[in-house]
Amino acid sequence: MSVQSTPIQIVQFLNDLYTCFDGIISQYDVYKVETVGDTYMVASGLPLSNGFHHAGEIASMSLALLKANDNFVIKHRPGEKVQLRIGMHSGPCVAGVIGIRMPRYCLFGDTVNTASRMESNGIPLKINCSQSAKDLLDHLGGYKLTERGYVEMKGKGRQMTYFVLSEDLDQRRIRLKKEHLKYPSLRRTAQATDTTSSQGSFDSTGNQN
């Protein structure tokens, strides 16, 4: 797209897309770490821990982003769709505010690198999920995944990967309502879910089942 667009069109497109994404992620217990070019990095479970729920928040947010992307219109190329690629991974990392003049909250560690590899080795309009993140989603319950298989990743070797397909919205709402007292960072998310929840589940194409 960048080759066929002017710089101003690219800036406007990214501003529109990221503004849309910003509105969506505000409904989840996630933290927007940074945007670099066309990469939008989000984390959950920090700076406040939310237990295993970080995997669920990222998966639910990702499904919501795909749903929004399906309806997103590129103003200067309305006949095209954004080929959104999402990767998710779970693991330990180091986080802290770095710098004085322009301080930033930064994440470091192998978990960050693996999440990046999950994204770069993903497939457009799919949520590429690592084994560790899949295990946590299975523990939480309410998420449907399918095995993608082993994928060779630079610096990581062969990694087993999965696609996140859908979630049970009611099961998530009940889980958050039960757990938000234990993890205060989930409180706002639980309230938002309580007001917007409807029966059924959303799949990765944005369809309600």
Foldseek 3Di string as FASTA:
>chain_A
DPVPDDPVLLVVQQVVLVVVLVVLLVLFQKDFQDDDRPDTDIFHCPPPGQPLCRLVRVLVSLLVSLLVQLVDASVVCRVDGDQDFAEAEDDDWDWDWDDDPDTGIDIDDPRVVVRVQQRVPTGGLWYKYFPRSVVSDVVLDFWDKAWPQWDQTVPPGTTTIITTFKGFLVSVLVVLVVRCVVGVSSVSSNVSSVVPPDGAMATSNGDGD
